[in-house]
């Protein structure tokens, strides 16, 4: 089974219009320039795919930094009084925060 990078991606007007539809943008007068730009970008990736990376170890991220976590400790003195918090809400129904439907 071949590598996905073995295939050459051909940027044509059909693909450009498909990408524009997915991105929900109107191409207008920029179509010719975008087609030229996409082809230049893809040709650069074609050049990169020709590099021998067999001795390069795969990466799982871009950095060796690690997250620093703190203990989750309840602090009574930092607690916001329930009445104050409820009064600050933009819209409420009884004791609950009311938000618009997400879906």
PDB file of N, CA and C in Angstrom:
ATOM      1  N   UNK A   1       0.859  -1.179   0.000  1.00  0.00           N
ATOM      2  CA  UNK A   1       0.000   0.000   0.000  1.00  0.00           C
ATOM      3  C   UNK A   1       0.897   1.232   0.000  1.00  0.00           C
ATOM      4  N   UNK A   2       0.648   2.181  -0.890  1.00  0.00           N
ATOM      5  CA  UNK A   2       1.495   3.362  -1.026  1.00  0.00           C
ATOM      6  C   UNK A   2       1.210   4.416   0.021  1.00  0.00           C
ATOM      7  N   UNK A   3       2.175   5.254   0.181  1.00  0.00           N
ATOM      8  CA  UNK A   3       2.059   6.389   1.097  1.00  0.00           C
ATOM      9  C   UNK A   3       1.159   7.442   0.467  1.00  0.00           C
ATOM     10  N   UNK A   4       0.411   8.131   1.280  1.00  0.00           N
ATOM     11  CA  UNK A   4      -0.477   9.186   0.766  1.00  0.00           C
ATOM     12  C   UNK A   4       0.317  10.298   0.082  1.00  0.00           C
ATOM     13  N   UNK A   5       1.572  10.483   0.506  1.00  0.00           N
ATOM     14  CA  UNK A   5       2.408  11.522  -0.081  1.00  0.00           C
ATOM     15  C   UNK A   5       2.923  11.117  -1.459  1.00  0.00           C
ATOM     16  N   UNK A   6       2.724   9.837  -1.862  1.00  0.00           N
ATOM     17  CA  UNK A   6       3.153   9.382  -3.173  1.00  0.00           C
ATOM     18  C   UNK A   6       2.263   9.946  -4.279  1.00  0.00           C
ATOM     19  N   UNK A   7       1.076  10.385  -3.925  1.00  0.00           N
ATOM     20  CA  UNK A   7       0.137  10.900  -4.910  1.00  0.00           C
ATOM     21  C   UNK A   7       0.369  12.392  -5.110  1.00  0.00           C
ATOM     22  N   UNK A   8       0.305  12.842  -6.350  1.00  0.00           N
ATOM     23  CA  UNK A   8       0.437  14.258  -6.666  1.00  0.00           C
ATOM     24  C   UNK A   8      -0.955  14.897  -6.620  1.00  0.00           C
ATOM     25  N   UNK A   9      -1.074  15.972  -5.866  1.00  0.00           N
ATOM     26  CA  UNK A   9      -2.345  16.679  -5.774  1.00  0.00           C
ATOM     27  C   UNK A   9      -2.408  17.691  -6.910  1.00  0.00           C
ATOM     28  N   UNK A  10      -3.448  17.598  -7.692  1.00  0.00           N
ATOM     29  CA  UNK A  10      -3.622  18.516  -8.813  1.00  0.00           C
ATOM     30  C   UNK A  10      -4.645  19.568  -8.421  1.00  0.00           C
ATOM     31  N   UNK A  11      -4.200  20.808  -8.409  1.00  0.00           N
ATOM     32  CA  UNK A  11      -5.098  21.917  -8.093  1.00  0.00           C
ATOM     33  C   UNK A  11      -5.662  22.449  -9.406  1.00  0.00           C
ATOM     34  N   UNK A  12      -6.960  22.267  -9.588  1.00  0.00           N
ATOM     35  CA  UNK A  12      -7.629  22.796 -10.778  1.00  0.00           C
ATOM     36  C   UNK A  12      -8.827  23.632 -10.331  1.00  0.00           C
ATOM     37  N   UNK A  13      -9.523  24.184 -11.289  1.00  0.00           N
ATOM     38  CA  UNK A  13     -10.662  25.048 -10.953  1.00  0.00           C
ATOM     39  C   UNK A  13     -11.746  24.295 -10.190  1.00  0.00           C
ATOM     40  N   UNK A  14     -11.954  23.033 -10.528  1.00  0.00           N
ATOM     41  CA  UNK A  14     -12.972  22.241  -9.842  1.00  0.00           C
ATOM     42  C   UNK A  14     -12.643  22.107  -8.360  1.00  0.00           C
ATOM     43  N   UNK A  15     -11.383  21.753  -8.050  1.00  0.00           N
ATOM     44  CA  UNK A  15     -10.974  21.615  -6.661  1.00  0.00           C
ATOM     45  C   UNK A  15     -11.016  22.972  -5.949  1.00  0.00           C
ATOM     46  N   UNK A  16     -10.593  24.018  -6.645  1.00  0.00           N
ATOM     47  CA  UNK A  16     -10.617  25.357  -6.054  1.00  0.00           C
ATOM     48  C   UNK A  16     -12.049  25.771  -5.695  1.00  0.00           C
ATOM     49  N   UNK A  17     -12.983  25.507  -6.578  1.00  0.00           N
ATOM     50  CA  UNK A  17     -14.386  25.844  -6.301  1.00  0.00           C
ATOM     51  C   UNK A  17     -14.938  24.985  -5.156  1.00  0.00           C
ATOM     52  N   UNK A  18     -14.514  23.734  -5.091  1.00  0.00           N
ATOM     53  CA  UNK A  18     -14.942  22.852  -3.999  1.00  0.00           C
ATOM     54  C   UNK A  18     -14.418  23.385  -2.662  1.00  0.00           C
ATOM     55  N   UNK A  19     -13.153  23.762  -2.609  1.00  0.00           N
ATOM     56  CA  UNK A  19     -12.573  24.310  -1.377  1.00  0.00           C
ATOM     57  C   UNK A  19     -13.252  25.621  -0.988  1.00  0.00           C
ATOM     58  N   UNK A  20     -13.548  26.452  -1.965  1.00  0.00           N
ATOM     59  CA  UNK A  20     -14.222  27.723  -1.689  1.00  0.00           C
ATOM     60  C   UNK A  20     -15.625  27.475  -1.133  1.00  0.00           C
ATOM     61  N   UNK A  21     -16.291  26.464  -1.672  1.00  0.00           N
ATOM     62  CA  UNK A  21     -17.628  26.131  -1.171  1.00  0.00           C
ATOM     63  C   UNK A  21     -17.544  25.642   0.275  1.00  0.00           C
ATOM     64  N   UNK A  22     -16.556  24.781   0.576  1.00  0.00           N
ATOM     65  CA  UNK A  22     -16.379  24.293   1.946  1.00  0.00           C
ATOM     66  C   UNK A  22     -16.064  25.434   2.905  1.00  0.00           C
ATOM     67  N   UNK A  23     -15.286  26.402   2.429  1.00  0.00           N
ATOM     68  CA  UNK A  23     -14.906  27.538   3.268  1.00  0.00           C
ATOM     69  C   UNK A  23     -15.971  28.632   3.260  1.00  0.00           C
ATOM     70  N   UNK A  24     -16.984  28.426   2.441  1.00  0.00           N
ATOM     71  CA  UNK A  24     -18.082  29.392   2.316  1.00  0.00           C
ATOM     72  C   UNK A  24     -17.581  30.784   1.944  1.00  0.00           C
ATOM     73  N   UNK A  25     -16.728  30.810   0.904  1.00  0.00           N
ATOM     74  CA  UNK A  25     -16.236  32.093   0.404  1.00  0.00           C
ATOM     75  C   UNK A  25     -16.543  32.201  -1.086  1.00  0.00           C
ATOM     76  N   UNK A  26     -16.758  33.422  -1.525  1.00  0.00           N
ATOM     77  CA  UNK A  26     -16.941  33.695  -2.941  1.00  0.00           C
ATOM     78  C   UNK A  26     -15.584  34.026  -3.536  1.00  0.00           C
ATOM     79  N   UNK A  27     -15.247  33.390  -4.651  1.00  0.00           N
ATOM     80  CA  UNK A  27     -13.938  33.599  -5.250  1.00  0.00           C
ATOM     81  C   UNK A  27     -13.831  34.938  -5.969  1.00  0.00           C
ATOM     82  N   UNK A  28     -14.819  35.236  -6.768  1.00  0.00           N
ATOM     83  CA  UNK A  28     -14.804  36.503  -7.484  1.00  0.00           C
ATOM     84  C   UNK A  28     -13.572  36.659  -8.357  1.00  0.00           C
ATOM     85  N   UNK A  29     -12.991  37.840  -8.331  1.00  0.00           N
ATOM     86  CA  UNK A  29     -11.859  38.177  -9.198  1.00  0.00           C
ATOM     87  C   UNK A  29     -10.558  37.514  -8.745  1.00  0.00           C
ATOM     88  N   UNK A  30     -10.509  37.029  -7.516  1.00  0.00           N
ATOM     89  CA  UNK A  30      -9.275  36.453  -6.985  1.00  0.00           C
ATOM     90  C   UNK A  30      -9.042  35.026  -7.451  1.00  0.00           C
ATOM     91  N   UNK A  31      -9.959  34.451  -8.218  1.00  0.00           N
ATOM     92  CA  UNK A  31      -9.868  33.037  -8.574  1.00  0.00           C
ATOM     93  C   UNK A  31      -8.542  32.693  -9.249  1.00  0.00           C
ATOM     94  N   UNK A  32      -8.133  33.447 -10.236  1.00  0.00           N
ATOM     95  CA  UNK A  32      -6.900  33.136 -10.963  1.00  0.00           C
ATOM     96  C   UNK A  32      -5.684  33.216 -10.045  1.00  0.00           C
ATOM     97  N   UNK A  33      -5.646  34.225  -9.189  1.00  0.00           N
ATOM     98  CA  UNK A  33      -4.517  34.377  -8.275  1.00  0.00           C
ATOM     99  C   UNK A  33      -4.500  33.257  -7.239  1.00  0.00           C
ATOM    100  N   UNK A  34      -5.670  32.882  -6.717  1.00  0.00           N
ATOM    101  CA  UNK A  34      -5.735  31.790  -5.751  1.00  0.00           C
ATOM    102  C   UNK A  34      -5.285  30.473  -6.371  1.00  0.00           C
ATOM    103  N   UNK A  35      -5.690  30.234  -7.593  1.00  0.00           N
ATOM    104  CA  UNK A  35      -5.289  29.009  -8.284  1.00  0.00           C
ATOM    105  C   UNK A  35      -3.769  28.967  -8.426  1.00  0.00           C
ATOM    106  N   UNK A  36      -3.180  30.085  -8.795  1.00  0.00           N
ATOM    107  CA  UNK A  36      -1.727  30.189  -8.931  1.00  0.00           C
ATOM    108  C   UNK A  36      -1.041  29.985  -7.572  1.00  0.00           C
ATOM    109  N   UNK A  37      -1.577  30.609  -6.521  1.00  0.00           N
ATOM    110  CA  UNK A  37      -0.999  30.492  -5.175  1.00  0.00           C
ATOM    111  C   UNK A  37      -1.081  29.058  -4.651  1.00  0.00           C
ATOM    112  N   UNK A  38      -2.247  28.417  -4.812  1.00  0.00           N
ATOM    113  CA  UNK A  38      -2.406  27.037  -4.360  1.00  0.00           C
ATOM    114  C   UNK A  38      -1.421  26.116  -5.073  1.00  0.00           C
ATOM    115  N   UNK A  39      -1.264  26.309  -6.369  1.00  0.00           N
ATOM    116  CA  UNK A  39      -0.323  25.470  -7.124  1.00  0.00           C
ATOM    117  C   UNK A  39       1.108  25.662  -6.618  1.00  0.00           C
ATOM    118  N   UNK A  40       1.484  26.896  -6.296  1.00  0.00           N
ATOM    119  CA  UNK A  40       2.832  27.168  -5.769  1.00  0.00           C
ATOM    120  C   UNK A  40       3.023  26.499  -4.404  1.00  0.00           C
ATOM    121  N   UNK A  41       2.007  26.559  -3.563  1.00  0.00           N
ATOM    122  CA  UNK A  41       2.086  25.938  -2.234  1.00  0.00           C
ATOM    123  C   UNK A  41       2.219  24.421  -2.359  1.00  0.00           C
ATOM    124  N   UNK A  42       1.399  23.819  -3.200  1.00  0.00           N
ATOM    125  CA  UNK A  42       1.443  22.365  -3.384  1.00  0.00           C
ATOM    126  C   UNK A  42       2.767  21.940  -3.989  1.00  0.00           C
ATOM    127  N   UNK A  43       3.314  22.721  -4.914  1.00  0.00           N
ATOM    128  CA  UNK A  43       4.613  22.347  -5.493  1.00  0.00           C
ATOM    129  C   UNK A  43       5.707  22.410  -4.435  1.00  0.00           C
ATOM    130  N   UNK A  44       5.585  23.322  -3.480  1.00  0.00           N
ATOM    131  CA  UNK A  44       6.555  23.382  -2.385  1.00  0.00           C
ATOM    132  C   UNK A  44       6.442  22.118  -1.527  1.00  0.00           C
ATOM    133  N   UNK A  45       5.232  21.659  -1.241  1.00  0.00           N
ATOM    134  CA  UNK A  45       5.057  20.417  -0.487  1.00  0.00           C
ATOM    135  C   UNK A  45       5.596  19.221  -1.268  1.00  0.00           C
ATOM    136  N   UNK A  46       5.459  19.259  -2.598  1.00  0.00           N
ATOM    137  CA  UNK A  46       6.029  18.190  -3.422  1.00  0.00           C
ATOM    138  C   UNK A  46       7.543  18.142  -3.257  1.00  0.00           C
ATOM    139  N   UNK A  47       8.177  19.320  -3.216  1.00  0.00           N
ATOM    140  CA  UNK A  47       9.624  19.381  -2.987  1.00  0.00           C
ATOM    141  C   UNK A  47       9.974  18.797  -1.620  1.00  0.00           C
ATOM    142  N   UNK A  48       9.208  19.152  -0.596  1.00  0.00           N
ATOM    143  CA  UNK A  48       9.472  18.655   0.749  1.00  0.00           C
ATOM    144  C   UNK A  48       9.314  17.140   0.831  1.00  0.00           C
ATOM    145  N   UNK A  49       8.351  16.598   0.100  1.00  0.00           N
ATOM    146  CA  UNK A  49       8.107  15.153   0.168  1.00  0.00           C
ATOM    147  C   UNK A  49       9.245  14.349  -0.457  1.00  0.00           C
ATOM    148  N   UNK A  50      10.102  14.999  -1.241  1.00  0.00           N
ATOM    149  CA  UNK A  50      11.233  14.310  -1.856  1.00  0.00           C
ATOM    150  C   UNK A  50      12.415  14.173  -0.899  1.00  0.00           C
ATOM    151  N   UNK A  51      12.377  14.860   0.242  1.00  0.00           N
ATOM    152  CA  UNK A  51      13.467  14.784   1.210  1.00  0.00           C
ATOM    153  C   UNK A  51      13.505  13.418   1.878  1.00  0.00           C
ATOM    154  N   UNK A  52      14.716  12.950   2.174  1.00  0.00           N
ATOM    155  CA  UNK A  52      14.881  11.686   2.874  1.00  0.00           C
ATOM    156  C   UNK A  52      14.764  11.947   4.373  1.00  0.00           C
ATOM    157  N   UNK A  53      13.678  11.476   4.955  1.00  0.00           N
ATOM    158  CA  UNK A  53      13.440  11.683   6.392  1.00  0.00           C
ATOM    159  C   UNK A  53      13.517  10.375   7.160  1.00  0.00           C
ATOM    160  N   UNK A  54      14.109   9.349   6.561  1.00  0.00           N
ATOM    161  CA  UNK A  54      14.142   8.034   7.198  1.00  0.00           C
ATOM    162  C   UNK A  54      14.930   8.041   8.506  1.00  0.00           C
ATOM    163  N   UNK A  55      15.881   8.970   8.657  1.00  0.00           N
ATOM    164  CA  UNK A  55      16.673   9.013   9.894  1.00  0.00           C
ATOM    165  C   UNK A  55      16.119  10.008  10.916  1.00  0.00           C
ATOM    166  N   UNK A  56      14.995  10.609  10.603  1.00  0.00           N
ATOM    167  CA  UNK A  56      14.388  11.589  11.510  1.00  0.00           C
ATOM    168  C   UNK A  56      13.339  10.892  12.361  1.00  0.00           C
ATOM    169  N   UNK A  57      13.468  11.052  13.673  1.00  0.00           N
ATOM    170  CA  UNK A  57      12.519  10.418  14.585  1.00  0.00           C
ATOM    171  C   UNK A  57      11.187  11.179  14.562  1.00  0.00           C
ATOM    172  N   UNK A  58      10.063  10.466  14.487  1.00  0.00           N
ATOM    173  CA  UNK A  58       8.757  11.140  14.468  1.00  0.00           C
ATOM    174  C   UNK A  58       8.526  11.947  15.748  1.00  0.00           C
ATOM    175  N   UNK A  59       7.810  13.050  15.596  1.00  0.00           N
ATOM    176  CA  UNK A  59       7.476  13.897  16.739  1.00  0.00           C
ATOM    177  C   UNK A  59       6.002  13.751  17.064  1.00  0.00           C
ATOM    178  N   UNK A  60       5.681  13.890  18.327  1.00  0.00           N
ATOM    179  CA  UNK A  60       4.277  13.860  18.727  1.00  0.00           C
ATOM    180  C   UNK A  60       3.794  15.247  19.097  1.00  0.00           C
ATOM    181  N   UNK A  61       4.666  16.204  19.081  1.00  0.00           N
ATOM    182  CA  UNK A  61       4.317  17.579  19.409  1.00  0.00           C
ATOM    183  C   UNK A  61       5.465  18.485  19.008  1.00  0.00           C
ATOM    184  N   UNK A  62       5.281  19.760  19.141  1.00  0.00           N
ATOM    185  CA  UNK A  62       6.300  20.695  18.704  1.00  0.00           C
ATOM    186  C   UNK A  62       7.248  21.130  19.796  1.00  0.00           C
ATOM    187  N   UNK A  63       7.084  20.624  21.000  1.00  0.00           N
ATOM    188  CA  UNK A  63       7.911  21.093  22.100  1.00  0.00           C
ATOM    189  C   UNK A  63       8.061  20.005  23.160  1.00  0.00           C
ATOM    190  N   UNK A  64       9.074  20.151  23.982  1.00  0.00           N
ATOM    191  CA  UNK A  64       9.267  19.218  25.093  1.00  0.00           C
ATOM    192  C   UNK A  64       8.709  19.770  26.398  1.00  0.00           C
ATOM    193  N   UNK A  65       8.014  20.903  26.329  1.00  0.00           N
ATOM    194  CA  UNK A  65       7.451  21.505  27.531  1.00  0.00           C
ATOM    195  C   UNK A  65       6.355  20.619  28.114  1.00  0.00           C
ATOM    196  N   UNK A  66       6.193  20.673  29.414  1.00  0.00           N
ATOM    197  CA  UNK A  66       5.151  19.908  30.081  1.00  0.00           C
ATOM    198  C   UNK A  66       4.229  20.853  30.829  1.00  0.00           C
ATOM    199  N   UNK A  67       2.967  20.463  30.962  1.00  0.00           N
ATOM    200  CA  UNK A  67       2.014  21.266  31.725  1.00  0.00           C
ATOM    201  C   UNK A  67       2.378  21.254  33.201  1.00  0.00           C
ATOM    202  N   UNK A  68       2.138  22.379  33.837  1.00  0.00           N
ATOM    203  CA  UNK A  68       2.348  22.466  35.280  1.00  0.00           C
ATOM    204  C   UNK A  68       0.970  22.611  35.903  1.00  0.00           C
ATOM    205  N   UNK A  69       0.646  21.705  36.813  1.00  0.00           N
ATOM    206  CA  UNK A  69      -0.668  21.702  37.429  1.00  0.00           C
ATOM    207  C   UNK A  69      -0.563  22.102  38.893  1.00  0.00           C
ATOM    208  N   UNK A  70      -1.617  22.687  39.400  1.00  0.00           N
ATOM    209  CA  UNK A  70      -1.684  22.991  40.830  1.00  0.00           C
ATOM    210  C   UNK A  70      -2.763  22.114  41.441  1.00  0.00           C
ATOM    211  N   UNK A  71      -2.679  21.939  42.736  1.00  0.00           N
ATOM    212  CA  UNK A  71      -3.710  21.176  43.428  1.00  0.00           C
ATOM    213  C   UNK A  71      -5.011  21.962  43.405  1.00  0.00           C
ATOM    214  N   UNK A  72      -6.097  21.268  43.164  1.00  0.00           N
ATOM    215  CA  UNK A  72      -7.417  21.889  43.142  1.00  0.00           C
ATOM    216  C   UNK A  72      -7.942  21.916  44.575  1.00  0.00           C
ATOM    217  N   UNK A  73      -7.729  23.055  45.236  1.00  0.00           N
ATOM    218  CA  UNK A  73      -8.076  23.175  46.651  1.00  0.00           C
ATOM    219  C   UNK A  73      -9.190  24.214  46.804  1.00  0.00           C
ATOM    220  N   UNK A  74     -10.219  23.836  47.517  1.00  0.00           N
ATOM    221  CA  UNK A  74     -11.330  24.756  47.781  1.00  0.00           C
ATOM    222  C   UNK A  74     -10.895  25.789  48.813  1.00  0.00           C
ATOM    223  N   UNK A  75     -11.122  27.070  48.485  1.00  0.00           N
ATOM    224  CA  UNK A  75     -10.750  28.146  49.402  1.00  0.00           C
ATOM    225  C   UNK A  75     -12.011  28.949  49.726  1.00  0.00           C
ATOM    226  N   UNK A  76     -12.509  28.783  50.911  1.00  0.00           N
ATOM    227  CA  UNK A  76     -13.746  29.417  51.351  1.00  0.00           C
ATOM    228  C   UNK A  76     -13.705  30.928  51.161  1.00  0.00           C
ATOM    229  N   UNK A  77     -12.568  31.541  51.452  1.00  0.00           N
ATOM    230  CA  UNK A  77     -12.483  33.012  51.382  1.00  0.00           C
ATOM    231  C   UNK A  77     -12.585  33.541  49.948  1.00  0.00           C
ATOM    232  N   UNK A  78     -12.360  32.704  48.952  1.00  0.00           N
ATOM    233  CA  UNK A  78     -12.463  33.135  47.554  1.00  0.00           C
ATOM    234  C   UNK A  78     -13.828  32.808  46.953  1.00  0.00           C
ATOM    235  N   UNK A  79     -14.701  32.212  47.742  1.00  0.00           N
ATOM    236  CA  UNK A  79     -16.019  31.808  47.273  1.00  0.00           C
ATOM    237  C   UNK A  79     -16.885  33.046  47.036  1.00  0.00           C
ATOM    238  N   UNK A  80     -17.539  33.093  45.899  1.00  0.00           N
ATOM    239  CA  UNK A  80     -18.458  34.180  45.580  1.00  0.00           C
ATOM    240  C   UNK A  80     -19.810  33.838  46.187  1.00  0.00           C
ATOM    241  N   UNK A  81     -20.384  34.759  46.954  1.00  0.00           N
ATOM    242  CA  UNK A  81     -21.699  34.466  47.551  1.00  0.00           C
ATOM    243  C   UNK A  81     -22.724  34.165  46.458  1.00  0.00           C
ATOM    244  N   UNK A  82     -23.582  33.187  46.704  1.00  0.00           N
ATOM    245  CA  UNK A  82     -24.533  32.751  45.688  1.00  0.00           C
ATOM    246  C   UNK A  82     -25.462  33.883  45.256  1.00  0.00           C
ATOM    247  N   UNK A  83     -25.917  34.691  46.196  1.00  0.00           N
ATOM    248  CA  UNK A  83     -26.805  35.800  45.829  1.00  0.00           C
ATOM    249  C   UNK A  83     -26.095  36.782  44.910  1.00  0.00           C
ATOM    250  N   UNK A  84     -24.853  37.108  45.212  1.00  0.00           N
ATOM    251  CA  UNK A  84     -24.086  38.038  44.380  1.00  0.00           C
ATOM    252  C   UNK A  84     -23.842  37.488  42.996  1.00  0.00           C
ATOM    253  N   UNK A  85     -23.524  36.208  42.916  1.00  0.00           N
ATOM    254  CA  UNK A  85     -23.271  35.571  41.625  1.00  0.00           C
ATOM    255  C   UNK A  85     -24.553  35.539  40.798  1.00  0.00           C
ATOM    256  N   UNK A  86     -25.659  35.188  41.411  1.00  0.00           N
ATOM    257  CA  UNK A  86     -26.932  35.104  40.709  1.00  0.00           C
ATOM    258  C   UNK A  86     -27.358  36.474  40.207  1.00  0.00           C
ATOM    259  N   UNK A  87     -27.153  37.513  40.998  1.00  0.00           N
ATOM    260  CA  UNK A  87     -27.543  38.861  40.593  1.00  0.00           C
ATOM    261  C   UNK A  87     -26.718  39.363  39.414  1.00  0.00           C
ATOM    262  N   UNK A  88     -25.503  38.842  39.255  1.00  0.00           N
ATOM    263  CA  UNK A  88     -24.620  39.280  38.174  1.00  0.00           C
ATOM    264  C   UNK A  88     -24.945  38.608  36.841  1.00  0.00           C
ATOM    265  N   UNK A  89     -25.798  37.594  36.855  1.00  0.00           N
ATOM    266  CA  UNK A  89     -26.129  36.879  35.628  1.00  0.00           C
ATOM    267  C   UNK A  89     -26.971  37.748  34.699  1.00  0.00           C
ATOM    268  N   UNK A  90     -26.701  37.696  33.389  1.00  0.00           N
ATOM    269  CA  UNK A  90     -27.467  38.512  32.454  1.00  0.00           C
ATOM    270  C   UNK A  90     -28.927  38.073  32.333  1.00  0.00           C
ATOM    271  N   UNK A  91     -29.187  36.767  32.436  1.00  0.00           N
ATOM    272  CA  UNK A  91     -30.557  36.267  32.307  1.00  0.00           C
ATOM    273  C   UNK A  91     -30.679  35.053  33.208  1.00  0.00           C
ATOM    274  N   UNK A  92     -31.717  35.026  33.998  1.00  0.00           N
ATOM    275  CA  UNK A  92     -31.892  33.898  34.907  1.00  0.00           C
ATOM    276  C   UNK A  92     -33.356  33.495  34.976  1.00  0.00           C
ATOM    277  N   UNK A  93     -33.539  32.265  35.322  1.00  0.00           N
ATOM    278  CA  UNK A  93     -34.880  31.726  35.557  1.00  0.00           C
ATOM    279  C   UNK A  93     -34.843  31.093  36.939  1.00  0.00           C
ATOM    280  N   UNK A  94     -35.445  31.743  37.900  1.00  0.00           N
ATOM    281  CA  UNK A  94     -35.389  31.267  39.279  1.00  0.00           C
ATOM    282  C   UNK A  94     -33.968  31.354  39.796  1.00  0.00           C
ATOM    283  N   UNK A  95     -33.440  30.253  40.262  1.00  0.00           N
ATOM    284  CA  UNK A  95     -32.066  30.212  40.768  1.00  0.00           C
ATOM    285  C   UNK A  95     -31.062  29.759  39.715  1.00  0.00           C
ATOM    286  N   UNK A  96     -31.493  29.651  38.450  1.00  0.00           N
ATOM    287  CA  UNK A  96     -30.625  29.092  37.419  1.00  0.00           C
ATOM    288  C   UNK A  96     -30.263  30.129  36.361  1.00  0.00           C
ATOM    289  N   UNK A  97     -29.082  29.950  35.776  1.00  0.00           N
ATOM    290  CA  UNK A  97     -28.626  30.752  34.649  1.00  0.00           C
ATOM    291  C   UNK A  97     -29.380  30.290  33.418  1.00  0.00           C
ATOM    292  N   UNK A  98     -29.874  31.224  32.617  1.00  0.00           N
ATOM    293  CA  UNK A  98     -30.591  30.888  31.395  1.00  0.00           C
ATOM    294  C   UNK A  98     -29.699  31.260  30.209  1.00  0.00           C
ATOM    295  N   UNK A  99     -29.469  30.285  29.337  1.00  0.00           N
ATOM    296  CA  UNK A  99     -28.625  30.510  28.152  1.00  0.00           C
ATOM    297  C   UNK A  99     -29.410  30.114  26.900  1.00  0.00           C
ATOM    298  N   UNK A 100     -29.065  30.707  25.756  1.00  0.00           N
ATOM    299  CA  UNK A 100     -29.760  30.333  24.534  1.00  0.00           C
ATOM    300  C   UNK A 100     -29.371  28.904  24.124  1.00  0.00           C
ATOM    301  N   UNK A 101     -30.232  28.225  23.380  1.00  0.00           N
ATOM    302  CA  UNK A 101     -29.920  26.868  22.932  1.00  0.00           C
ATOM    303  C   UNK A 101     -28.637  26.849  22.098  1.00  0.00           C
ATOM    304  N   UNK A 102     -27.854  25.809  22.266  1.00  0.00           N
ATOM    305  CA  UNK A 102     -26.584  25.693  21.560  1.00  0.00           C
ATOM    306  C   UNK A 102     -26.793  25.114  20.167  1.00  0.00           C
ATOM    307  N   UNK A 103     -27.677  24.168  20.026  1.00  0.00           N
ATOM    308  CA  UNK A 103     -27.891  23.541  18.722  1.00  0.00           C
ATOM    309  C   UNK A 103     -29.089  24.100  18.029  1.00  0.00           C
TER     310      UNK A 103
END
